[in-house]
Amino acid sequence: MNLSELAGKEIVNLVSGERLGIIGECDIIIDETTGKILALSIPRERGFFGIKRDRGDLEIPWRNVKKIGNDMIIIEYDGIF
């Protein structure tokens, strides 16, 4: 699979059913020496009445990615988002 094929896919947590973001708004962390994907870095901005708060990024290890489908990426993450 090419990196461009991941763009636009929604990330969904299998544990909570929560939609975490879309690839394109998220970063992919890659090992520079091996070229392997290490993690997804998902921004944790939450809004309340249109006011957004930046809570830093959530790094999901690549081993937590369970399935890459046509429209979404299913991850298994039981931490707090």
PDB file of N, CA and C in Angstrom:
ATOM      1  N   MET A   1       0.844  -1.173   0.000  1.00  0.00           N
ATOM      2  CA  MET A   1       0.000   0.000   0.000  1.00  0.00           C
ATOM      3  C   MET A   1       0.890   1.238   0.000  1.00  0.00           C
ATOM      4  N   ASN A   2       0.548   2.199  -0.796  1.00  0.00           N
ATOM      5  CA  ASN A   2       1.271   3.467  -0.845  1.00  0.00           C
ATOM      6  C   ASN A   2       0.752   4.418   0.226  1.00  0.00           C
ATOM      7  N   LEU A   3       1.615   5.335   0.651  1.00  0.00           N
ATOM      8  CA  LEU A   3       1.224   6.329   1.643  1.00  0.00           C
ATOM      9  C   LEU A   3       0.034   7.152   1.152  1.00  0.00           C
ATOM     10  N   SER A   4      -0.001   7.447  -0.131  1.00  0.00           N
ATOM     11  CA  SER A   4      -1.105   8.239  -0.682  1.00  0.00           C
ATOM     12  C   SER A   4      -2.445   7.517  -0.560  1.00  0.00           C
ATOM     13  N   GLU A   5      -2.425   6.201  -0.487  1.00  0.00           N
ATOM     14  CA  GLU A   5      -3.670   5.433  -0.343  1.00  0.00           C
ATOM     15  C   GLU A   5      -4.240   5.526   1.072  1.00  0.00           C
ATOM     16  N   LEU A   6      -3.411   5.913   2.044  1.00  0.00           N
ATOM     17  CA  LEU A   6      -3.889   6.096   3.415  1.00  0.00           C
ATOM     18  C   LEU A   6      -4.598   7.434   3.598  1.00  0.00           C
ATOM     19  N   ALA A   7      -4.266   8.402   2.762  1.00  0.00           N
ATOM     20  CA  ALA A   7      -4.818   9.757   2.900  1.00  0.00           C
ATOM     21  C   ALA A   7      -6.339   9.732   2.809  1.00  0.00           C
ATOM     22  N   GLY A   8      -6.977  10.440   3.721  1.00  0.00           N
ATOM     23  CA  GLY A   8      -8.427  10.562   3.717  1.00  0.00           C
ATOM     24  C   GLY A   8      -9.161   9.481   4.482  1.00  0.00           C
ATOM     25  N   LYS A   9      -8.448   8.446   4.947  1.00  0.00           N
ATOM     26  CA  LYS A   9      -9.105   7.383   5.704  1.00  0.00           C
ATOM     27  C   LYS A   9      -9.340   7.838   7.139  1.00  0.00           C
ATOM     28  N   GLU A  10     -10.492   7.495   7.658  1.00  0.00           N
ATOM     29  CA  GLU A  10     -10.849   7.851   9.026  1.00  0.00           C
ATOM     30  C   GLU A  10     -10.294   6.807   9.991  1.00  0.00           C
ATOM     31  N   ILE A  11      -9.825   7.254  11.150  1.00  0.00           N
ATOM     32  CA  ILE A  11      -9.297   6.356  12.179  1.00  0.00           C
ATOM     33  C   ILE A  11     -10.391   6.135  13.218  1.00  0.00           C
ATOM     34  N   VAL A  12     -10.730   4.853  13.457  1.00  0.00           N
ATOM     35  CA  VAL A  12     -11.787   4.499  14.396  1.00  0.00           C
ATOM     36  C   VAL A  12     -11.215   3.534  15.433  1.00  0.00           C
ATOM     37  N   ASN A  13     -11.514   3.805  16.705  1.00  0.00           N
ATOM     38  CA  ASN A  13     -11.053   2.966  17.804  1.00  0.00           C
ATOM     39  C   ASN A  13     -12.026   1.812  18.019  1.00  0.00           C
ATOM     40  N   LEU A  14     -11.543   0.592  17.883  1.00  0.00           N
ATOM     41  CA  LEU A  14     -12.355  -0.610  18.048  1.00  0.00           C
ATOM     42  C   LEU A  14     -12.881  -0.741  19.479  1.00  0.00           C
ATOM     43  N   VAL A  15     -12.112  -0.296  20.460  1.00  0.00           N
ATOM     44  CA  VAL A  15     -12.489  -0.438  21.870  1.00  0.00           C
ATOM     45  C   VAL A  15     -13.666   0.463  22.234  1.00  0.00           C
ATOM     46  N   SER A  16     -13.584   1.744  21.844  1.00  0.00           N
ATOM     47  CA  SER A  16     -14.611   2.710  22.255  1.00  0.00           C
ATOM     48  C   SER A  16     -15.603   3.060  21.147  1.00  0.00           C
ATOM     49  N   GLY A  17     -15.279   2.719  19.907  1.00  0.00           N
ATOM     50  CA  GLY A  17     -16.118   3.102  18.776  1.00  0.00           C
ATOM     51  C   GLY A  17     -15.951   4.553  18.381  1.00  0.00           C
ATOM     52  N   GLU A  18     -15.009   5.244  19.017  1.00  0.00           N
ATOM     53  CA  GLU A  18     -14.793   6.680  18.791  1.00  0.00           C
ATOM     54  C   GLU A  18     -14.037   6.929  17.489  1.00  0.00           C
ATOM     55  N   ARG A  19     -14.450   7.967  16.775  1.00  0.00           N
ATOM     56  CA  ARG A  19     -13.727   8.428  15.591  1.00  0.00           C
ATOM     57  C   ARG A  19     -12.631   9.376  16.065  1.00  0.00           C
ATOM     58  N   LEU A  20     -11.376   9.055  15.744  1.00  0.00           N
ATOM     59  CA  LEU A  20     -10.246   9.805  16.276  1.00  0.00           C
ATOM     60  C   LEU A  20      -9.679  10.848  15.329  1.00  0.00           C
ATOM     61  N   GLY A  21      -9.930  10.714  14.062  1.00  0.00           N
ATOM     62  CA  GLY A  21      -9.381  11.673  13.108  1.00  0.00           C
ATOM     63  C   GLY A  21      -9.300  11.081  11.720  1.00  0.00           C
ATOM     64  N   ILE A  22      -8.705  11.827  10.838  1.00  0.00           N
ATOM     65  CA  ILE A  22      -8.551  11.425   9.441  1.00  0.00           C
ATOM     66  C   ILE A  22      -7.079  11.515   9.085  1.00  0.00           C
ATOM     67  N   ILE A  23      -6.579  10.479   8.392  1.00  0.00           N
ATOM     68  CA  ILE A  23      -5.198  10.540   7.909  1.00  0.00           C
ATOM     69  C   ILE A  23      -5.128  11.713   6.942  1.00  0.00           C
ATOM     70  N   GLY A  24      -4.206  12.571   7.162  1.00  0.00           N
ATOM     71  CA  GLY A  24      -4.096  13.837   6.441  1.00  0.00           C
ATOM     72  C   GLY A  24      -4.093  14.955   7.466  1.00  0.00           C
ATOM     73  N   GLU A  25      -4.925  14.793   8.505  1.00  0.00           N
ATOM     74  CA  GLU A  25      -4.902  15.691   9.654  1.00  0.00           C
ATOM     75  C   GLU A  25      -3.939  15.149  10.700  1.00  0.00           C
ATOM     76  N   CYS A  26      -3.588  13.870  10.575  1.00  0.00           N
ATOM     77  CA  CYS A  26      -2.698  13.193  11.509  1.00  0.00           C
ATOM     78  C   CYS A  26      -1.313  13.057  10.877  1.00  0.00           C
ATOM     79  N   ASP A  27      -0.330  12.763  11.714  1.00  0.00           N
ATOM     80  CA  ASP A  27       1.018  12.514  11.226  1.00  0.00           C
ATOM     81  C   ASP A  27       1.334  11.036  11.342  1.00  0.00           C
ATOM     82  N   ILE A  28       2.217  10.570  10.478  1.00  0.00           N
ATOM     83  CA  ILE A  28       2.709   9.205  10.545  1.00  0.00           C
ATOM     84  C   ILE A  28       4.172   9.290  10.948  1.00  0.00           C
ATOM     85  N   ILE A  29       4.552   8.598  12.012  1.00  0.00           N
ATOM     86  CA  ILE A  29       5.929   8.608  12.490  1.00  0.00           C
ATOM     87  C   ILE A  29       6.648   7.415  11.866  1.00  0.00           C
ATOM     88  N   ILE A  30       7.745   7.706  11.168  1.00  0.00           N
ATOM     89  CA  ILE A  30       8.480   6.687  10.420  1.00  0.00           C
ATOM     90  C   ILE A  30       9.904   6.597  10.940  1.00  0.00           C
ATOM     91  N   ASP A  31      10.415   5.367  11.092  1.00  0.00           N
ATOM     92  CA  ASP A  31      11.804   5.143  11.461  1.00  0.00           C
ATOM     93  C   ASP A  31      12.673   5.511  10.257  1.00  0.00           C
ATOM     94  N   GLU A  32      13.553   6.465  10.451  1.00  0.00           N
ATOM     95  CA  GLU A  32      14.365   6.971   9.337  1.00  0.00           C
ATOM     96  C   GLU A  32      15.339   5.935   8.789  1.00  0.00           C
ATOM     97  N   THR A  33      15.785   5.016   9.614  1.00  0.00           N
ATOM     98  CA  THR A  33      16.763   4.033   9.134  1.00  0.00           C
ATOM     99  C   THR A  33      16.120   2.857   8.413  1.00  0.00           C
ATOM    100  N   THR A  34      14.967   2.401   8.905  1.00  0.00           N
ATOM    101  CA  THR A  34      14.329   1.232   8.295  1.00  0.00           C
ATOM    102  C   THR A  34      13.211   1.588   7.329  1.00  0.00           C
ATOM    103  N   GLY A  35      12.619   2.787   7.501  1.00  0.00           N
ATOM    104  CA  GLY A  35      11.493   3.186   6.672  1.00  0.00           C
ATOM    105  C   GLY A  35      10.167   2.609   7.144  1.00  0.00           C
ATOM    106  N   LYS A  36      10.174   1.919   8.279  1.00  0.00           N
ATOM    107  CA  LYS A  36       8.939   1.320   8.796  1.00  0.00           C
ATOM    108  C   LYS A  36       8.128   2.357   9.569  1.00  0.00           C
ATOM    109  N   ILE A  37       6.805   2.200   9.508  1.00  0.00           N
ATOM    110  CA  ILE A  37       5.909   3.073  10.263  1.00  0.00           C
ATOM    111  C   ILE A  37       5.954   2.653  11.728  1.00  0.00           C
ATOM    112  N   LEU A  38       6.197   3.622  12.617  1.00  0.00           N
ATOM    113  CA  LEU A  38       6.253   3.356  14.050  1.00  0.00           C
ATOM    114  C   LEU A  38       4.937   3.662  14.746  1.00  0.00           C
ATOM    115  N   ALA A  39       4.284   4.776  14.356  1.00  0.00           N
ATOM    116  CA  ALA A  39       3.083   5.206  15.080  1.00  0.00           C
ATOM    117  C   ALA A  39       2.289   6.208  14.257  1.00  0.00           C
ATOM    118  N   LEU A  40       1.048   6.400  14.661  1.00  0.00           N
ATOM    119  CA  LEU A  40       0.205   7.477  14.161  1.00  0.00           C
ATOM    120  C   LEU A  40       0.163   8.541  15.245  1.00  0.00           C
ATOM    121  N   SER A  41       0.331   9.784  14.885  1.00  0.00           N
ATOM    122  CA  SER A  41       0.258  10.893  15.828  1.00  0.00           C
ATOM    123  C   SER A  41      -1.022  11.670  15.523  1.00  0.00           C
ATOM    124  N   ILE A  42      -1.976  11.583  16.457  1.00  0.00           N
ATOM    125  CA  ILE A  42      -3.301  12.152  16.252  1.00  0.00           C
ATOM    126  C   ILE A  42      -3.456  13.382  17.125  1.00  0.00           C
ATOM    127  N   PRO A  43      -3.761  14.549  16.533  1.00  0.00           N
ATOM    128  CA  PRO A  43      -3.960  15.746  17.361  1.00  0.00           C
ATOM    129  C   PRO A  43      -5.201  15.597  18.228  1.00  0.00           C
ATOM    130  N   ARG A  44      -5.098  16.036  19.494  1.00  0.00           N
ATOM    131  CA  ARG A  44      -6.223  15.930  20.433  1.00  0.00           C
ATOM    132  C   ARG A  44      -6.811  17.301  20.697  1.00  0.00           C
ATOM    133  N   GLU A  45      -7.373  17.908  19.706  1.00  0.00           N
ATOM    134  CA  GLU A  45      -8.070  19.188  19.887  1.00  0.00           C
ATOM    135  C   GLU A  45      -9.524  18.881  20.158  1.00  0.00           C
ATOM    136  N   ARG A  46     -10.029  19.410  21.212  1.00  0.00           N
ATOM    137  CA  ARG A  46     -11.439  19.255  21.552  1.00  0.00           C
ATOM    138  C   ARG A  46     -12.066  20.633  21.639  1.00  0.00           C
ATOM    139  N   GLY A  47     -13.251  20.751  21.114  1.00  0.00           N
ATOM    140  CA  GLY A  47     -13.931  22.034  21.154  1.00  0.00           C
ATOM    141  C   GLY A  47     -15.169  22.005  22.025  1.00  0.00           C
ATOM    142  N   PHE A  48     -15.475  23.137  22.636  1.00  0.00           N
ATOM    143  CA  PHE A  48     -16.704  23.285  23.408  1.00  0.00           C
ATOM    144  C   PHE A  48     -17.230  24.676  23.097  1.00  0.00           C
ATOM    145  N   PHE A  49     -18.388  24.762  22.514  1.00  0.00           N
ATOM    146  CA  PHE A  49     -18.966  26.019  22.052  1.00  0.00           C
ATOM    147  C   PHE A  49     -18.038  26.740  21.076  1.00  0.00           C
ATOM    148  N   GLY A  50     -17.382  25.955  20.215  1.00  0.00           N
ATOM    149  CA  GLY A  50     -16.522  26.553  19.191  1.00  0.00           C
ATOM    150  C   GLY A  50     -15.143  26.951  19.672  1.00  0.00           C
ATOM    151  N   ILE A  51     -14.863  26.762  20.963  1.00  0.00           N
ATOM    152  CA  ILE A  51     -13.540  27.088  21.496  1.00  0.00           C
ATOM    153  C   ILE A  51     -12.710  25.816  21.522  1.00  0.00           C
ATOM    154  N   LYS A  52     -11.577  25.832  20.827  1.00  0.00           N
ATOM    155  CA  LYS A  52     -10.742  24.640  20.758  1.00  0.00           C
ATOM    156  C   LYS A  52      -9.607  24.724  21.751  1.00  0.00           C
ATOM    157  N   ARG A  53      -9.314  23.558  22.355  1.00  0.00           N
ATOM    158  CA  ARG A  53      -8.181  23.457  23.271  1.00  0.00           C
ATOM    159  C   ARG A  53      -7.217  22.425  22.703  1.00  0.00           C
ATOM    160  N   ASP A  54      -5.944  22.760  22.666  1.00  0.00           N
ATOM    161  CA  ASP A  54      -4.933  21.835  22.203  1.00  0.00           C
ATOM    162  C   ASP A  54      -4.445  21.026  23.392  1.00  0.00           C
ATOM    163  N   ARG A  55      -4.663  19.710  23.364  1.00  0.00           N
ATOM    164  CA  ARG A  55      -4.239  18.840  24.455  1.00  0.00           C
ATOM    165  C   ARG A  55      -3.034  17.998  24.051  1.00  0.00           C
ATOM    166  N   GLY A  56      -2.288  18.429  23.057  1.00  0.00           N
ATOM    167  CA  GLY A  56      -1.143  17.644  22.608  1.00  0.00           C
ATOM    168  C   GLY A  56      -1.567  16.529  21.677  1.00  0.00           C
ATOM    169  N   ASP A  57      -0.614  15.772  21.221  1.00  0.00           N
ATOM    170  CA  ASP A  57      -0.889  14.688  20.284  1.00  0.00           C
ATOM    171  C   ASP A  57      -0.918  13.344  21.001  1.00  0.00           C
ATOM    172  N   LEU A  58      -1.723  12.446  20.482  1.00  0.00           N
ATOM    173  CA  LEU A  58      -1.802  11.085  20.973  1.00  0.00           C
ATOM    174  C   LEU A  58      -1.048  10.206  19.988  1.00  0.00           C
ATOM    175  N   GLU A  59      -0.045   9.464  20.457  1.00  0.00           N
ATOM    176  CA  GLU A  59       0.708   8.565  19.584  1.00  0.00           C
ATOM    177  C   GLU A  59       0.177   7.150  19.749  1.00  0.00           C
ATOM    178  N   ILE A  60      -0.331   6.596  18.659  1.00  0.00           N
ATOM    179  CA  ILE A  60      -0.840   5.234  18.632  1.00  0.00           C
ATOM    180  C   ILE A  60       0.212   4.367  17.954  1.00  0.00           C
ATOM    181  N   PRO A  61       0.806   3.414  18.665  1.00  0.00           N
ATOM    182  CA  PRO A  61       1.798   2.528  18.034  1.00  0.00           C
ATOM    183  C   PRO A  61       1.195   1.794  16.837  1.00  0.00           C
ATOM    184  N   TRP A  62       1.986   1.602  15.808  1.00  0.00           N
ATOM    185  CA  TRP A  62       1.513   0.958  14.583  1.00  0.00           C
ATOM    186  C   TRP A  62       1.001  -0.456  14.861  1.00  0.00           C
ATOM    187  N   ARG A  63       1.526  -1.121  15.894  1.00  0.00           N
ATOM    188  CA  ARG A  63       1.066  -2.475  16.228  1.00  0.00           C
ATOM    189  C   ARG A  63      -0.397  -2.472  16.679  1.00  0.00           C
ATOM    190  N   ASN A  64      -0.939  -1.303  17.049  1.00  0.00           N
ATOM    191  CA  ASN A  64      -2.339  -1.193  17.454  1.00  0.00           C
ATOM    192  C   ASN A  64      -3.281  -1.059  16.264  1.00  0.00           C
ATOM    193  N   VAL A  65      -2.741  -0.894  15.058  1.00  0.00           N
ATOM    194  CA  VAL A  65      -3.579  -0.846  13.856  1.00  0.00           C
ATOM    195  C   VAL A  65      -3.998  -2.274  13.540  1.00  0.00           C
ATOM    196  N   LYS A  66      -5.299  -2.518  13.531  1.00  0.00           N
ATOM    197  CA  LYS A  66      -5.817  -3.871  13.343  1.00  0.00           C
ATOM    198  C   LYS A  66      -6.291  -4.143  11.925  1.00  0.00           C
ATOM    199  N   LYS A  67      -6.807  -3.126  11.247  1.00  0.00           N
ATOM    200  CA  LYS A  67      -7.357  -3.337   9.903  1.00  0.00           C
ATOM    201  C   LYS A  67      -7.346  -2.033   9.138  1.00  0.00           C
ATOM    202  N   ILE A  68      -6.948  -2.093   7.883  1.00  0.00           N
ATOM    203  CA  ILE A  68      -7.024  -0.939   6.987  1.00  0.00           C
ATOM    204  C   ILE A  68      -8.027  -1.296   5.908  1.00  0.00           C
ATOM    205  N   GLY A  69      -9.159  -0.609   5.931  1.00  0.00           N
ATOM    206  CA  GLY A  69     -10.221  -0.866   4.968  1.00  0.00           C
ATOM    207  C   GLY A  69     -10.248   0.182   3.875  1.00  0.00           C
ATOM    208  N   ASN A  70     -11.304   0.168   3.074  1.00  0.00           N
ATOM    209  CA  ASN A  70     -11.442   1.119   1.972  1.00  0.00           C
ATOM    210  C   ASN A  70     -11.598   2.552   2.456  1.00  0.00           C
ATOM    211  N   ASP A  71     -12.333   2.738   3.560  1.00  0.00           N
ATOM    212  CA  ASP A  71     -12.647   4.083   4.038  1.00  0.00           C
ATOM    213  C   ASP A  71     -12.074   4.407   5.405  1.00  0.00           C
ATOM    214  N   MET A  72     -11.646   3.387   6.145  1.00  0.00           N
ATOM    215  CA  MET A  72     -11.205   3.658   7.507  1.00  0.00           C
ATOM    216  C   MET A  72     -10.079   2.743   7.933  1.00  0.00           C
ATOM    217  N   ILE A  73      -9.434   3.170   9.023  1.00  0.00           N
ATOM    218  CA  ILE A  73      -8.393   2.395   9.680  1.00  0.00           C
ATOM    219  C   ILE A  73      -8.924   2.073  11.075  1.00  0.00           C
ATOM    220  N   ILE A  74      -8.976   0.788  11.412  1.00  0.00           N
ATOM    221  CA  ILE A  74      -9.459   0.347  12.710  1.00  0.00           C
ATOM    222  C   ILE A  74      -8.239   0.134  13.614  1.00  0.00           C
ATOM    223  N   ILE A  75      -8.258   0.806  14.782  1.00  0.00           N
ATOM    224  CA  ILE A  75      -7.193   0.600  15.750  1.00  0.00           C
ATOM    225  C   ILE A  75      -7.793   0.027  17.025  1.00  0.00           C
ATOM    226  N   GLU A  76      -6.949  -0.594  17.834  1.00  0.00           N
ATOM    227  CA  GLU A  76      -7.380  -1.082  19.136  1.00  0.00           C
ATOM    228  C   GLU A  76      -6.552  -0.330  20.180  1.00  0.00           C
ATOM    229  N   TYR A  77      -7.200   0.609  20.856  1.00  0.00           N
ATOM    230  CA  TYR A  77      -6.513   1.477  21.827  1.00  0.00           C
ATOM    231  C   TYR A  77      -7.405   1.640  23.042  1.00  0.00           C
ATOM    232  N   ASP A  78      -6.921   1.202  24.198  1.00  0.00           N
ATOM    233  CA  ASP A  78      -7.746   1.281  25.398  1.00  0.00           C
ATOM    234  C   ASP A  78      -7.330   2.400  26.341  1.00  0.00           C
ATOM    235  N   GLY A  79      -6.468   3.293  25.891  1.00  0.00           N
ATOM    236  CA  GLY A  79      -6.075   4.440  26.691  1.00  0.00           C
ATOM    237  C   GLY A  79      -7.106   5.547  26.593  1.00  0.00           C
ATOM    238  N   ILE A  80      -6.866   6.616  27.310  1.00  0.00           N
ATOM    239  CA  ILE A  80      -7.770   7.774  27.308  1.00  0.00           C
ATOM    240  C   ILE A  80      -7.396   8.684  26.160  1.00  0.00           C
ATOM    241  N   PHE A  81      -8.388   9.051  25.361  1.00  0.00           N
ATOM    242  CA  PHE A  81      -8.144   9.967  24.265  1.00  0.00           C
ATOM    243  C   PHE A  81      -8.553  11.335  24.733  1.00  0.00           C
TER     244      PHE A  81
END
